[in-house]
Amino acid sequence: MNLIKPAALLLAATALVAGSTAAATAADSPGGTRVTGLQQTADQVLADSPKPLRVTADAVEYEGLTVTDAPVTKGAQDLACDYGHLCMVVKGTKFDFYKCQTWNLTNWTGDGPFTNNQTRGTVAKFFNKDGSVRWTSTAYQAGTATWDPIWSLRPC
């Protein structure tokens, strides 16, 4: 009769839990690589964006943007956003922009809280499909926005 040592049992249980978590939060992409659900969401709304620099179970990090699952918020007052950042929730996902560049978007719809916590007076611009300005936000500002539809944005 083989006895399993406690350390081996703990290691096997840890691997099983880790595998279950990965399976629950990731799916195979066409290229055969593992992609988290969070990365799939980010890919769906960030058109023509560069590839992420780092992907974890909790975040997808780009140069100038971090995408995470949105915390449950009652409004913009509950949306944590570091100084110098423009943050918003779209479709249950938090986007935290901190690099001055134009970000092209797709499927950017619905309502959600936003916080423009950039340097005082910095103007974030949100654009229509034709490139015209749909609306602007001057830092500091927080509230709820209608994203229907935003096709690109420039945090600064």
Protein backbone atom coordinates (compact mmCIF):
# COMPACT_ATOMS: atom_id res chain seq x y z
CA MET A 1 0.00 0.00 0.00
CA ASN A 2 1.44 3.39 -1.04
CA LEU A 3 1.10 6.22 1.44
CA ILE A 4 1.11 9.75 0.13
CA LYS A 5 3.30 12.09 2.14
CA PRO A 6 1.55 15.23 3.46
CA ALA A 7 3.88 17.52 1.50
CA ALA A 8 3.09 15.70 -1.74
CA LEU A 9 -0.63 15.84 -0.98
CA LEU A 10 -0.42 19.59 -0.30
CA LEU A 11 1.51 20.12 -3.55
CA ALA A 12 -1.06 18.13 -5.54
CA ALA A 13 -3.97 20.02 -3.93
CA THR A 14 -2.28 23.35 -4.65
CA ALA A 15 -1.76 22.37 -8.31
CA LEU A 16 -5.39 21.27 -8.58
CA VAL A 17 -6.69 24.56 -7.16
CA ALA A 18 -4.34 26.59 -9.35
CA GLY A 19 -5.40 24.60 -12.41
CA SER A 20 -9.08 25.08 -11.59
CA THR A 21 -8.58 28.82 -11.13
CA ALA A 22 -6.70 29.09 -14.42
CA ALA A 23 -9.37 27.10 -16.23
CA ALA A 24 -12.10 29.28 -14.77
CA THR A 25 -10.36 32.53 -15.72
CA ALA A 26 -8.69 31.64 -19.01
CA ALA A 27 -9.58 30.26 -22.41
CA ASP A 28 -7.49 29.04 -25.31
CA SER A 29 -6.91 31.64 -27.99
CA PRO A 30 -6.68 30.65 -31.67
CA GLY A 31 -2.88 30.71 -31.36
CA GLY A 32 -2.97 28.13 -28.60
CA THR A 33 -1.89 30.52 -25.84
CA ARG A 34 -3.82 31.03 -22.64
CA VAL A 35 -5.74 34.31 -22.47
CA THR A 36 -7.51 35.53 -19.35
CA GLY A 37 -11.13 36.65 -19.50
CA LEU A 38 -9.93 40.09 -18.46
CA GLN A 39 -7.54 40.22 -21.43
CA GLN A 40 -10.36 39.13 -23.76
CA THR A 41 -12.47 42.02 -22.46
CA ALA A 42 -9.59 44.46 -22.88
CA ASP A 43 -8.96 43.20 -26.42
CA GLN A 44 -12.65 43.67 -27.28
CA VAL A 45 -12.73 47.34 -26.31
CA LEU A 46 -9.20 48.48 -27.17
CA ALA A 47 -9.11 48.56 -30.96
CA ASP A 48 -5.69 48.53 -32.58
CA SER A 49 -4.01 48.72 -29.19
CA PRO A 50 -0.50 47.47 -28.64
CA LYS A 51 -0.11 44.04 -27.12
CA PRO A 52 -0.16 44.03 -23.34
CA LEU A 53 3.17 44.16 -21.54
CA ARG A 54 2.01 41.89 -18.73
CA VAL A 55 -1.05 39.74 -18.10
CA THR A 56 -1.92 38.32 -14.70
CA ALA A 57 -5.11 36.84 -13.29
CA ASP A 58 -5.94 40.28 -11.82
CA ALA A 59 -4.72 42.79 -14.41
CA VAL A 60 -3.75 43.42 -18.01
CA GLU A 61 -1.01 46.05 -18.20
CA TYR A 62 -0.22 48.10 -21.28
CA GLU A 63 2.26 50.94 -21.58
CA GLY A 64 0.13 53.71 -20.09
CA LEU A 65 -2.96 51.69 -19.13
CA THR A 66 -3.95 49.09 -16.56
CA VAL A 67 -7.15 47.08 -17.01
CA THR A 68 -8.70 45.30 -14.02
CA ASP A 69 -12.05 43.93 -12.94
CA ALA A 70 -14.04 46.86 -11.64
CA PRO A 71 -14.68 46.99 -7.94
CA VAL A 72 -18.30 47.26 -6.93
CA THR A 73 -18.95 50.99 -6.86
CA LYS A 74 -21.94 53.12 -6.11
CA GLY A 75 -20.50 55.89 -8.24
CA ALA A 76 -17.40 57.86 -9.12
CA GLN A 77 -16.77 58.74 -5.46
CA ASP A 78 -15.97 55.04 -4.86
CA LEU A 79 -13.72 54.65 -7.92
CA ALA A 80 -10.11 54.64 -6.70
CA CYS A 81 -7.96 56.55 -9.18
CA ASP A 82 -4.36 57.57 -8.50
CA TYR A 83 -3.25 61.16 -8.98
CA GLY A 84 -2.24 61.76 -12.59
CA HIS A 85 -4.66 59.11 -13.90
CA LEU A 86 -7.96 58.99 -15.79
CA CYS A 87 -10.09 56.05 -14.62
CA MET A 88 -13.42 54.69 -15.74
CA VAL A 89 -15.60 51.61 -15.59
CA VAL A 90 -16.93 50.20 -18.85
CA LYS A 91 -18.96 46.97 -18.90
CA GLY A 92 -17.72 45.94 -15.45
CA THR A 93 -14.06 46.54 -16.28
CA LYS A 94 -11.90 49.33 -14.84
CA PHE A 95 -9.62 51.21 -17.23
CA ASP A 96 -6.84 53.25 -15.59
CA PHE A 97 -5.12 55.48 -18.18
CA TYR A 98 -1.89 57.27 -17.26
CA LYS A 99 -0.13 57.92 -20.58
CA CYS A 100 -0.87 60.83 -22.89
CA GLN A 101 -1.77 59.20 -26.19
CA THR A 102 -4.85 58.48 -28.26
CA TRP A 103 -6.49 55.14 -27.50
CA ASN A 104 -8.75 53.65 -30.20
CA LEU A 105 -11.79 51.81 -28.84
CA THR A 106 -14.55 49.42 -29.91
CA ASN A 107 -17.67 48.16 -28.11
CA TRP A 108 -17.34 51.09 -25.69
CA THR A 109 -20.98 51.34 -24.64
CA GLY A 110 -23.15 51.62 -21.56
CA ASP A 111 -22.92 53.93 -18.56
CA GLY A 112 -20.24 53.97 -15.90
CA PRO A 113 -18.40 56.06 -13.36
CA PHE A 114 -15.26 57.98 -14.26
CA THR A 115 -12.67 59.99 -12.37
CA ASN A 116 -10.34 62.42 -14.08
CA ASN A 117 -7.67 62.73 -11.38
CA GLN A 118 -4.96 64.13 -13.62
CA THR A 119 -3.02 67.31 -12.99
CA ARG A 120 -5.51 70.12 -12.34
CA GLY A 121 -6.75 71.57 -15.63
CA THR A 122 -5.75 68.58 -17.80
CA VAL A 123 -8.46 67.98 -20.39
CA ALA A 124 -9.41 64.42 -21.37
CA LYS A 125 -11.15 64.19 -24.76
CA PHE A 126 -13.64 61.54 -25.87
CA PHE A 127 -14.22 61.19 -29.62
CA ASN A 128 -16.99 60.11 -32.01
CA LYS A 129 -16.40 57.68 -34.87
CA ASP A 130 -15.63 60.56 -37.28
CA GLY A 131 -12.96 61.93 -34.92
CA SER A 132 -14.99 64.87 -33.68
CA VAL A 133 -15.00 65.57 -29.94
CA ARG A 134 -18.03 64.04 -28.24
CA TRP A 135 -17.27 65.45 -24.79
CA THR A 136 -14.41 66.54 -22.56
CA SER A 137 -13.51 66.29 -18.89
CA THR A 138 -11.26 68.80 -17.14
CA ALA A 139 -9.33 67.53 -14.10
CA TYR A 140 -10.37 67.21 -11.37
CA GLN A 141 -13.79 65.84 -12.34
CA ALA A 142 -15.75 62.75 -11.40
CA GLY A 143 -19.20 61.51 -12.35
CA THR A 144 -21.08 59.04 -14.49
CA ALA A 145 -20.70 59.01 -18.27
CA THR A 146 -22.62 57.45 -21.12
CA TRP A 147 -20.12 55.68 -23.34
CA ASP A 148 -22.60 55.17 -26.25
CA PRO A 149 -20.53 55.22 -28.37
CA ILE A 150 -17.01 56.43 -27.70
CA TRP A 151 -14.58 55.45 -30.49
CA SER A 152 -11.37 56.87 -29.05
CA LEU A 153 -10.07 58.89 -26.16
CA ARG A 154 -7.05 60.98 -25.26
CA PRO A 155 -6.52 61.29 -21.51
CA CYS A 156 -4.59 64.58 -21.80
